[in-house]
Amino acid sequence: MTCSHVTCGSSAWTVTLGYADVEDVYLERFRADGRYEHAGEWKAAEEWEESFVVKGDKEPTTVKLRSTVHGPVIEDSLARLNGMARDITRDRAEADAGHSYVLSYAGLPIRRDGLAFVGIRRLIDATDFTEFDAALAYASTVISLNFAFASTAGHIGYVLCGEVPLGRGKRGDERRGGDEWYPLCGWSGKHDYTGWLPHSQLPKAFDPPAGLIVSCNHAIVNYDSYPHYLGQIFRAGYRAVRAHDTLAPIAAASRLTIEDFIRAQLDLTSVAAANFAACVCQADVSKAKMPEAEDELAHAALNSMKGWDGNLSPDSTVAATYQLMHSELVRMLLHAGVVGIGVVFGECGVDRSTFEPDGMVGGSVFEALMHGVSSDGIFKQVNELAGHLHKNVLRMLYASRTNNGSWWVAVAGGFDRVVCKAAVSAERKLREKADRTWGALHSTHLAHPLTAPLGFP
């Protein structure tokens, strides 16, 4: 997410989403009398009722709500709780028949009132970086945002704003906030918030020696040197790497110009695609144990990708091969993984057609994986998968080439087999097309939600 720059006299600033971990979900343990456990005590939950009108209903709907010390309970009064959340609470309750389990939300409802309008006004009036930074202390108490700054005096800066919770216990290692990744344990008290990270201790930069600041929704701190936990589910850093590699040499030699930024903005090279090509081209077709006709298809696809720099220009046929091969590889890994953990097709919203080569779009799980569409099926955590898919697939492929191995790749048949079969699928699909270029394959179709059902654009 990027907000177009705002110019305020002598300075300008722009905004992107920071992706810091500013909210949590807790698993709460309740007794039959309605009390919940917290830090060795059984406490009374705050209870109230709310009424609202649902479109299409004649009468208002009234629901009973509860809240714990961590925030409001995510009630399932309207049977709208997603499948994964229901499974978490049900499985825990089945293992502990004496209690019931629910989820509570520690986010917006427990935040103090923000002063965003005060911050925005001060941003507008800011004349230097110090005033800019001070204004951002008010700008957002909920959403984590990256702010970039530049002034007509030749200064640049960066500030992360948004209140990050302190406490939350041990997560991952000593510096990274629950023994349980999701959700946090509510009854132990070990993962409670203890406050908020002060704005003065959030990451910021002013006139760095490199003369360049890159912010692409990626991880902005190194936990070996930064003492506070900000999160770990940031966007993959491929865009940041490419932007830095494109602009840093120019910044080191001279001042960056508008033309330099235009070229960077219109750059078509994908670092993720180049890394993927370099990795899959290590596959040995002879070890894939395929029919001779498929060997020829695999060789054709893989040979075309050797030495490719990841340029996704519209006239590139290699870019088309890469995208089709990557999509097929994801389908194969996911299908093998689902089968490997014993998921029965027809349950959990998982339909067998989801994993068929022609069922890539429309199936609940794969649609969620590829497009971030909400689904009641498994893999609900794909909310931001579009930004992590390439990194995770590469991580699996890299691991499969080491002694540690990759379970996903192993259950799919091994590195050579899964890569070559994906290459065969990509090459076969491209040979069926009159125009094999990336521009022909990767077209955008825009439709207005009100006129599309009528057949109009």
Protein backbone atom coordinates (compact mmCIF):
# COMPACT_ATOMS: atom_id res chain seq x y z
CA MET A 1 0.00 0.00 0.00
CA THR A 2 1.36 3.40 -0.96
CA CYS A 3 -0.12 6.84 -0.50
CA SER A 4 0.88 9.40 -3.11
CA HIS A 5 3.26 11.99 -1.77
CA VAL A 6 1.91 15.05 -0.02
CA THR A 7 3.76 18.32 -0.51
CA CYS A 8 3.65 20.85 2.29
CA GLY A 9 5.62 23.95 1.33
CA SER A 10 9.25 23.15 2.01
CA SER A 11 8.85 19.39 2.54
CA ALA A 12 7.09 16.34 1.12
CA TRP A 13 6.22 12.95 2.55
CA THR A 14 4.75 9.64 1.48
CA VAL A 15 3.26 6.64 3.29
CA THR A 16 3.41 2.85 2.98
CA LEU A 17 2.19 0.09 5.27
CA GLY A 18 4.82 -0.85 7.87
CA TYR A 19 3.59 -4.39 8.68
CA ALA A 20 4.70 -4.22 12.33
CA ASP A 21 2.89 -6.67 14.62
CA VAL A 22 0.42 -4.34 16.36
CA GLU A 23 -2.40 -6.76 17.24
CA ASP A 24 -2.89 -10.28 18.57
CA VAL A 25 -5.47 -13.00 19.09
CA TYR A 26 -5.63 -14.82 22.44
CA LEU A 27 -7.06 -18.24 23.25
CA GLU A 28 -9.18 -17.86 26.40
CA ARG A 29 -10.28 -20.61 28.83
CA PHE A 30 -13.82 -20.25 30.28
CA ARG A 31 -15.66 -22.16 33.00
CA ALA A 32 -19.32 -23.17 32.84
CA ASP A 33 -20.24 -20.23 35.14
CA GLY A 34 -18.94 -17.74 32.56
CA ARG A 35 -15.69 -16.83 34.32
CA TYR A 36 -12.36 -17.01 32.49
CA GLU A 37 -8.92 -17.90 33.80
CA HIS A 38 -6.15 -15.32 33.86
CA ALA A 39 -2.86 -15.46 35.74
CA GLY A 40 -4.15 -17.97 38.31
CA GLU A 41 -7.53 -16.28 38.89
CA TRP A 42 -11.03 -16.90 37.54
CA LYS A 43 -12.36 -13.50 36.53
CA ALA A 44 -15.81 -12.28 35.51
CA ALA A 45 -15.96 -11.25 31.87
CA GLU A 46 -17.42 -7.90 30.97
CA GLU A 47 -20.77 -8.54 29.24
CA TRP A 48 -23.14 -6.39 27.21
CA GLU A 49 -25.60 -6.50 24.31
CA GLU A 50 -25.54 -4.73 20.97
CA SER A 51 -28.21 -4.50 18.29
CA PHE A 52 -27.72 -3.77 14.62
CA VAL A 53 -29.61 -4.10 11.36
CA VAL A 54 -28.50 -6.74 8.86
CA LYS A 55 -29.30 -5.97 5.23
CA GLY A 56 -32.35 -7.96 4.15
CA ASP A 57 -33.63 -8.60 7.69
CA LYS A 58 -36.83 -6.95 8.90
CA GLU A 59 -35.88 -6.92 12.56
CA PRO A 60 -32.62 -5.82 14.23
CA THR A 61 -30.22 -8.55 15.33
CA THR A 62 -29.17 -8.52 18.99
CA VAL A 63 -26.03 -10.30 20.14
CA LYS A 64 -24.47 -10.81 23.54
CA LEU A 65 -20.82 -9.80 23.76
CA ARG A 66 -18.04 -10.44 26.24
CA SER A 67 -14.61 -9.05 26.87
CA THR A 68 -11.55 -10.26 28.78
CA VAL A 69 -8.46 -8.36 29.91
CA HIS A 70 -7.07 -8.95 26.43
CA GLY A 71 -9.99 -7.52 24.50
CA PRO A 72 -13.44 -8.49 23.18
CA VAL A 73 -14.25 -12.15 22.65
CA ILE A 74 -14.69 -13.10 19.01
CA GLU A 75 -18.17 -14.54 19.36
CA ASP A 76 -19.65 -17.01 16.88
CA SER A 77 -23.23 -15.82 17.43
CA LEU A 78 -23.84 -15.46 13.69
CA ALA A 79 -21.90 -18.63 12.78
CA ARG A 80 -19.45 -16.53 10.78
CA LEU A 81 -16.24 -17.62 12.53
CA ASN A 82 -13.87 -19.08 9.94
CA GLY A 83 -12.98 -22.75 9.83
CA MET A 84 -9.50 -22.44 11.29
CA ALA A 85 -10.74 -20.43 14.30
CA ARG A 86 -13.49 -22.98 14.94
CA ASP A 87 -10.98 -25.82 14.71
CA ILE A 88 -8.62 -24.15 17.21
CA THR A 89 -11.28 -23.64 19.86
CA ARG A 90 -12.99 -27.02 19.24
CA ASP A 91 -9.77 -29.04 19.37
CA ARG A 92 -8.72 -27.42 22.62
CA ALA A 93 -12.15 -28.00 24.18
CA GLU A 94 -12.12 -31.66 23.15
CA ALA A 95 -8.76 -32.07 24.90
CA ASP A 96 -10.12 -30.40 28.04
CA ALA A 97 -13.75 -31.39 28.53
CA GLY A 98 -14.14 -29.31 31.69
CA HIS A 99 -13.79 -25.92 29.98
CA SER A 100 -14.80 -24.02 26.87
CA TYR A 101 -12.38 -22.05 24.71
CA VAL A 102 -12.86 -18.88 22.71
CA LEU A 103 -10.68 -16.33 20.96
CA SER A 104 -10.30 -12.70 22.02
CA TYR A 105 -8.97 -9.84 19.94
CA ALA A 106 -6.27 -7.50 21.21
CA GLY A 107 -6.26 -4.72 18.66
CA LEU A 108 -8.28 -1.61 17.93
CA PRO A 109 -10.84 -2.04 20.77
CA ILE A 110 -8.18 -1.87 23.51
CA ARG A 111 -6.27 1.09 22.10
CA ARG A 112 -6.39 4.50 23.67
CA ASP A 113 -8.07 7.23 21.66
CA GLY A 114 -5.81 8.43 18.89
CA LEU A 115 -4.89 11.99 17.98
CA ALA A 116 -4.51 11.44 14.26
CA PHE A 117 -5.98 14.80 13.28
CA VAL A 118 -3.53 16.58 15.56
CA GLY A 119 -0.69 14.66 13.95
CA ILE A 120 -1.87 15.38 10.41
CA ARG A 121 -2.14 19.09 11.14
CA ARG A 122 1.36 19.10 12.57
CA LEU A 123 2.62 17.17 9.55
CA ILE A 124 1.20 19.85 7.28
CA ASP A 125 2.91 22.55 9.30
CA ALA A 126 6.23 20.71 9.71
CA THR A 127 9.21 22.59 8.23
CA ASP A 128 12.00 20.14 9.08
CA PHE A 129 12.56 16.50 10.00
CA THR A 130 12.44 17.11 13.76
CA GLU A 131 8.95 18.62 13.52
CA PHE A 132 7.96 15.88 11.06
CA ASP A 133 9.03 13.13 13.47
CA ALA A 134 7.30 14.80 16.42
CA ALA A 135 4.05 15.07 14.45
CA LEU A 136 4.08 11.35 13.68
CA ALA A 137 3.92 10.54 17.39
CA TYR A 138 0.25 11.59 17.13
CA ALA A 139 -0.54 10.42 13.62
CA SER A 140 -1.33 6.75 14.27
CA THR A 141 -1.83 4.70 17.40
CA VAL A 142 -3.14 1.63 15.57
CA ILE A 143 -1.79 1.10 12.06
CA SER A 144 1.92 0.59 11.48
CA LEU A 145 3.03 3.02 8.77
CA ASN A 146 6.30 3.88 7.03
CA PHE A 147 6.73 7.60 6.43
CA ALA A 148 9.39 8.91 4.05
CA PHE A 149 10.46 12.55 4.20
CA ALA A 150 12.26 14.95 1.87
CA SER A 151 12.80 18.69 2.04
CA THR A 152 13.79 21.42 -0.37
CA ALA A 153 16.87 21.92 1.81
CA GLY A 154 18.18 18.59 0.54
CA HIS A 155 17.38 16.40 3.55
CA ILE A 156 15.73 12.97 3.56
CA GLY A 157 14.37 10.88 6.40
CA TYR A 158 12.33 7.87 7.45
CA VAL A 159 10.05 7.22 10.44
CA LEU A 160 7.99 4.18 11.47
CA CYS A 161 4.88 5.15 13.40
CA GLY A 162 2.16 3.15 15.12
CA GLU A 163 2.11 1.79 18.66
CA VAL A 164 3.75 -1.65 18.94
CA PRO A 165 2.73 -3.66 22.04
CA LEU A 166 5.37 -4.50 24.61
CA GLY A 167 5.41 -7.78 26.53
CA ARG A 168 3.62 -10.73 24.91
CA GLY A 169 6.18 -13.16 26.34
CA LYS A 170 8.61 -15.30 24.44
CA ARG A 171 8.07 -15.85 20.74
CA GLY A 172 10.65 -17.60 18.60
CA ASP A 173 13.63 -16.40 20.60
CA GLU A 174 14.36 -14.07 23.50
CA ARG A 175 13.77 -10.93 21.43
CA ARG A 176 10.67 -11.88 19.48
CA GLY A 177 7.42 -11.75 21.50
CA GLY A 178 4.45 -16.41 22.69
CA ASP A 179 5.40 -19.89 23.01
CA GLU A 180 2.32 -20.26 20.82
CA TRP A 181 2.59 -18.52 17.47
CA TYR A 182 -1.13 -18.22 16.96
CA PRO A 183 -3.07 -17.63 19.05
CA LEU A 184 -1.33 -16.52 22.27
CA CYS A 185 -2.20 -18.26 25.51
CA GLY A 186 -4.62 -16.05 27.42
CA TRP A 187 -4.92 -17.83 30.77
CA SER A 188 -1.24 -17.97 31.74
CA GLY A 189 -0.73 -14.21 31.91
CA LYS A 190 2.71 -14.65 30.37
CA HIS A 191 1.74 -13.02 27.09
CA ASP A 192 -0.08 -9.94 28.37
CA TYR A 193 0.72 -6.53 26.99
CA THR A 194 2.79 -4.47 29.38
CA GLY A 195 2.62 -1.19 27.49
CA TRP A 196 3.48 0.33 24.13
CA LEU A 197 6.83 0.97 22.51
CA PRO A 198 7.42 4.75 22.70
CA HIS A 199 7.53 6.60 19.39
CA SER A 200 11.05 7.79 20.21
CA GLN A 201 12.28 4.16 20.15
CA LEU A 202 10.70 3.22 16.83
CA PRO A 203 13.05 2.95 13.82
CA LYS A 204 13.92 6.18 12.03
CA ALA A 205 16.67 7.59 9.86
CA PHE A 206 17.84 11.05 8.81
CA ASP A 207 20.29 11.83 6.01
CA PRO A 208 21.97 8.38 5.94
CA PRO A 209 25.53 8.33 4.50
CA ALA A 210 24.37 6.33 1.46
CA GLY A 211 22.14 9.22 0.44
CA LEU A 212 19.27 6.81 -0.10
CA ILE A 213 16.38 5.34 1.92
CA VAL A 214 14.47 2.34 0.57
CA SER A 215 11.08 1.39 2.02
CA CYS A 216 9.15 -1.42 0.29
CA ASN A 217 7.05 -2.89 3.12
CA HIS A 218 10.01 -5.14 3.96
CA ALA A 219 11.74 -5.84 7.28
CA ILE A 220 13.48 -2.62 8.27
CA VAL A 221 15.47 -3.72 11.32
CA ASN A 222 18.04 -6.34 12.17
CA TYR A 223 17.20 -8.00 15.48
CA ASP A 224 20.88 -8.55 16.14
CA SER A 225 21.16 -4.81 16.73
CA TYR A 226 17.59 -3.55 17.27
CA PRO A 227 16.32 -4.49 20.77
CA HIS A 228 12.53 -4.43 20.29
CA TYR A 229 10.23 -6.93 18.61
CA LEU A 230 8.34 -5.36 15.70
CA GLY A 231 7.09 -8.53 14.02
CA GLN A 232 8.34 -11.00 11.46
CA ILE A 233 5.67 -11.20 8.75
CA PHE A 234 6.86 -8.38 6.53
CA ARG A 235 6.65 -8.37 2.76
CA ALA A 236 9.42 -10.15 0.92
CA GLY A 237 12.38 -7.86 0.33
CA TYR A 238 12.82 -8.45 -3.40
CA ARG A 239 11.50 -5.03 -4.39
CA ALA A 240 13.75 -3.37 -1.83
CA VAL A 241 16.80 -5.22 -3.18
CA ARG A 242 16.02 -4.19 -6.74
CA ALA A 243 15.33 -0.56 -5.81
CA HIS A 244 18.56 -0.36 -3.84
CA ASP A 245 20.64 -2.01 -6.56
CA THR A 246 19.16 0.35 -9.15
CA LEU A 247 19.52 3.62 -7.24
CA ALA A 248 22.44 3.14 -4.83
CA PRO A 249 25.22 3.33 -7.47
CA ILE A 250 23.75 6.57 -8.81
CA ALA A 251 23.35 8.05 -5.32
CA ALA A 252 26.97 7.20 -4.53
CA ALA A 253 28.26 8.99 -7.62
CA SER A 254 25.94 11.99 -7.88
CA ARG A 255 22.54 13.38 -6.91
CA LEU A 256 19.49 11.35 -7.86
CA THR A 257 17.19 12.99 -10.39
CA ILE A 258 13.50 12.66 -11.19
CA GLU A 259 14.47 10.69 -14.29
CA ASP A 260 16.36 8.19 -12.11
CA PHE A 261 13.26 7.59 -10.01
CA ILE A 262 11.06 7.25 -13.08
CA ARG A 263 13.35 4.54 -14.43
CA ALA A 264 13.28 2.76 -11.07
CA GLN A 265 9.49 3.01 -10.88
CA LEU A 266 9.08 1.54 -14.37
CA ASP A 267 11.72 -1.15 -13.88
CA LEU A 268 10.52 -4.60 -14.99
CA THR A 269 13.17 -6.81 -13.39
CA SER A 270 12.02 -9.23 -10.68
CA VAL A 271 14.74 -10.43 -8.31
CA ALA A 272 12.39 -13.19 -7.15
CA ALA A 273 11.95 -14.43 -10.72
CA ALA A 274 15.69 -14.38 -11.40
CA ASN A 275 16.41 -16.32 -8.20
CA PHE A 276 13.71 -18.85 -9.05
CA ALA A 277 15.13 -19.40 -12.54
CA ALA A 278 18.66 -19.87 -11.21
CA CYS A 279 17.39 -22.42 -8.68
CA VAL A 280 15.16 -24.56 -10.91
CA CYS A 281 17.76 -24.68 -13.69
CA GLN A 282 19.82 -26.90 -11.37
CA ALA A 283 17.28 -29.69 -11.83
CA ASP A 284 18.50 -32.86 -13.55
CA VAL A 285 15.90 -33.96 -16.08
CA SER A 286 17.37 -37.46 -16.25
CA LYS A 287 16.63 -37.97 -12.54
CA ALA A 288 12.98 -36.97 -12.89
CA LYS A 289 12.12 -40.36 -14.44
CA MET A 290 9.64 -39.05 -16.98
CA PRO A 291 8.64 -40.28 -20.47
CA GLU A 292 10.96 -39.17 -23.27
CA ALA A 293 8.38 -36.76 -24.65
CA GLU A 294 8.18 -34.99 -21.29
CA ASP A 295 11.99 -34.88 -21.06
CA GLU A 296 12.00 -32.81 -24.25
CA LEU A 297 9.43 -30.38 -22.85
CA ALA A 298 11.31 -30.01 -19.56
CA HIS A 299 14.61 -29.38 -21.35
CA ALA A 300 13.00 -26.71 -23.52
CA ALA A 301 11.52 -24.84 -20.55
CA LEU A 302 14.59 -25.05 -18.34
CA ASN A 303 17.06 -24.18 -21.12
CA SER A 304 15.07 -21.05 -21.92
CA MET A 305 15.45 -19.88 -18.32
CA LYS A 306 19.21 -20.39 -18.02
CA GLY A 307 20.96 -17.10 -17.36
CA TRP A 308 17.67 -15.17 -17.34
CA ASP A 309 17.82 -11.88 -15.42
CA GLY A 310 14.17 -11.85 -14.35
CA ASN A 311 13.05 -9.15 -16.77
CA LEU A 312 9.26 -9.29 -17.06
CA SER A 313 8.94 -7.29 -20.25
CA PRO A 314 5.66 -7.78 -22.16
CA ASP A 315 7.44 -9.39 -25.15
CA SER A 316 9.32 -11.95 -23.03
CA THR A 317 8.43 -15.61 -23.52
CA VAL A 318 10.76 -16.61 -20.68
CA ALA A 319 8.69 -14.51 -18.26
CA ALA A 320 5.60 -16.44 -19.35
CA THR A 321 7.40 -19.76 -18.83
CA TYR A 322 8.51 -18.65 -15.38
CA GLN A 323 5.02 -17.64 -14.23
CA LEU A 324 3.32 -20.79 -15.49
CA MET A 325 6.03 -22.98 -14.03
CA HIS A 326 5.93 -21.23 -10.67
CA SER A 327 2.13 -21.51 -10.44
CA GLU A 328 2.24 -25.20 -11.32
CA LEU A 329 5.00 -25.81 -8.78
CA VAL A 330 2.90 -24.21 -6.04
CA ARG A 331 -0.10 -26.36 -7.01
CA MET A 332 1.99 -29.54 -6.92
CA LEU A 333 3.62 -28.71 -3.57
CA LEU A 334 0.30 -27.80 -1.99
CA HIS A 335 -1.49 -30.87 -3.31
CA ALA A 336 1.26 -33.20 -2.09
CA GLY A 337 1.35 -31.44 1.28
CA VAL A 338 -2.40 -31.68 1.80
CA VAL A 339 -2.34 -35.37 0.94
CA GLY A 340 0.75 -35.83 3.09
CA ILE A 341 -0.92 -34.58 6.26
CA GLY A 342 -3.98 -36.76 5.64
CA VAL A 343 -6.57 -34.14 4.69
CA VAL A 344 -9.63 -35.84 3.23
CA PHE A 345 -10.97 -34.15 0.13
CA GLY A 346 -14.45 -32.78 0.71
CA GLU A 347 -13.63 -31.74 4.29
CA CYS A 348 -12.40 -28.36 5.57
CA GLY A 349 -13.58 -26.76 2.34
CA VAL A 350 -10.98 -28.69 0.33
CA ASP A 351 -12.25 -29.89 -3.03
CA ARG A 352 -10.17 -32.22 -5.19
CA SER A 353 -10.76 -30.01 -8.24
CA THR A 354 -8.92 -27.25 -6.41
CA PHE A 355 -5.66 -29.06 -7.10
CA GLU A 356 -6.27 -30.11 -10.65
CA PRO A 357 -4.15 -28.29 -13.28
CA ASP A 358 -7.20 -26.49 -14.67
CA GLY A 359 -8.69 -25.74 -11.25
CA MET A 360 -6.17 -23.12 -10.24
CA VAL A 361 -8.70 -20.31 -9.91
CA GLY A 362 -11.99 -20.79 -8.12
CA GLY A 363 -10.99 -23.51 -5.66
CA SER A 364 -11.15 -22.20 -2.10
CA VAL A 365 -7.64 -23.13 -0.96
CA PHE A 366 -5.72 -22.37 -4.10
CA GLU A 367 -7.65 -19.19 -4.77
CA ALA A 368 -6.73 -18.02 -1.29
CA LEU A 369 -3.10 -18.96 -1.84
CA MET A 370 -2.77 -17.23 -5.17
CA HIS A 371 -4.97 -14.20 -4.66
CA GLY A 372 -5.26 -13.65 -0.91
CA VAL A 373 -9.01 -14.34 -1.07
CA SER A 374 -10.57 -15.16 2.30
CA SER A 375 -11.51 -18.82 2.57
CA ASP A 376 -12.96 -21.13 5.19
CA GLY A 377 -10.62 -23.87 3.99
CA ILE A 378 -7.22 -24.74 5.36
CA PHE A 379 -4.28 -22.37 4.99
CA LYS A 380 -6.30 -19.42 6.27
CA GLN A 381 -3.01 -17.70 7.05
CA VAL A 382 -2.66 -16.74 3.39
CA ASN A 383 -3.95 -13.23 4.06
CA GLU A 384 -0.65 -11.80 2.90
CA LEU A 385 0.67 -14.81 1.00
CA ALA A 386 0.92 -12.88 -2.24
CA GLY A 387 3.96 -11.15 -0.76
CA HIS A 388 5.53 -14.26 0.73
CA LEU A 389 4.77 -16.99 -1.78
CA HIS A 390 7.95 -16.62 -3.82
CA LYS A 391 10.17 -16.51 -0.75
CA ASN A 392 8.54 -19.59 0.78
CA VAL A 393 8.71 -21.62 -2.45
CA LEU A 394 12.37 -20.72 -2.86
CA ARG A 395 13.02 -21.60 0.77
CA MET A 396 11.53 -25.05 0.15
CA LEU A 397 13.56 -25.57 -3.02
CA TYR A 398 16.80 -24.39 -1.42
CA ALA A 399 16.23 -26.60 1.63
CA SER A 400 15.59 -29.62 -0.58
CA ARG A 401 19.13 -29.22 -1.93
CA THR A 402 20.69 -29.40 1.54
CA ASN A 403 21.12 -32.16 4.10
CA ASN A 404 18.15 -30.81 6.06
CA GLY A 405 15.80 -31.32 3.12
CA SER A 406 12.28 -30.00 2.64
CA TRP A 407 9.24 -32.03 3.66
CA TRP A 408 7.06 -30.27 1.08
CA VAL A 409 9.40 -31.05 -1.81
CA ALA A 410 10.05 -34.59 -0.58
CA VAL A 411 6.36 -35.57 -0.47
CA ALA A 412 5.94 -34.06 -3.95
CA GLY A 413 8.56 -36.41 -5.37
CA GLY A 414 11.86 -34.64 -4.74
CA PHE A 415 13.55 -31.60 -6.25
CA ASP A 416 14.30 -32.95 -9.73
CA ARG A 417 10.91 -34.58 -10.13
CA VAL A 418 8.73 -31.69 -8.97
CA VAL A 419 10.73 -29.02 -10.84
CA CYS A 420 10.78 -30.97 -14.11
CA LYS A 421 7.08 -31.83 -13.96
CA ALA A 422 6.29 -28.14 -13.41
CA ALA A 423 8.52 -27.28 -16.37
CA VAL A 424 6.67 -29.80 -18.54
CA SER A 425 3.31 -28.29 -17.59
CA ALA A 426 4.49 -24.75 -18.36
CA GLU A 427 6.00 -25.64 -21.72
CA ARG A 428 2.95 -27.66 -22.74
CA LYS A 429 0.56 -24.82 -21.94
CA LEU A 430 2.67 -22.27 -23.80
CA ARG A 431 2.86 -24.44 -26.91
CA GLU A 432 -0.93 -24.38 -27.01
CA LYS A 433 -0.93 -20.59 -27.31
CA ALA A 434 -0.50 -18.58 -30.49
CA ASP A 435 1.13 -15.74 -28.53
CA ARG A 436 3.56 -17.04 -25.93
CA THR A 437 4.65 -13.67 -24.55
CA TRP A 438 4.24 -12.50 -20.98
CA GLY A 439 2.18 -9.53 -22.17
CA ALA A 440 -0.39 -11.82 -23.77
CA LEU A 441 -0.56 -14.08 -20.72
CA HIS A 442 -0.50 -11.35 -18.10
CA SER A 443 -3.35 -9.06 -19.11
CA THR A 444 -5.58 -7.02 -16.82
CA HIS A 445 -9.36 -7.04 -17.11
CA LEU A 446 -11.07 -4.29 -15.13
CA ALA A 447 -14.79 -4.38 -14.42
CA HIS A 448 -16.94 -2.14 -12.26
CA PRO A 449 -18.74 -4.19 -9.56
CA LEU A 450 -22.10 -2.57 -10.38
CA THR A 451 -22.02 -2.91 -14.16
CA ALA A 452 -20.13 -6.21 -14.54
CA PRO A 453 -23.22 -8.38 -13.79
CA LEU A 454 -24.99 -6.55 -16.61
CA GLY A 455 -22.31 -7.45 -19.09
CA PHE A 456 -20.83 -3.96 -19.27
CA PRO A 457 -17.18 -3.07 -18.48
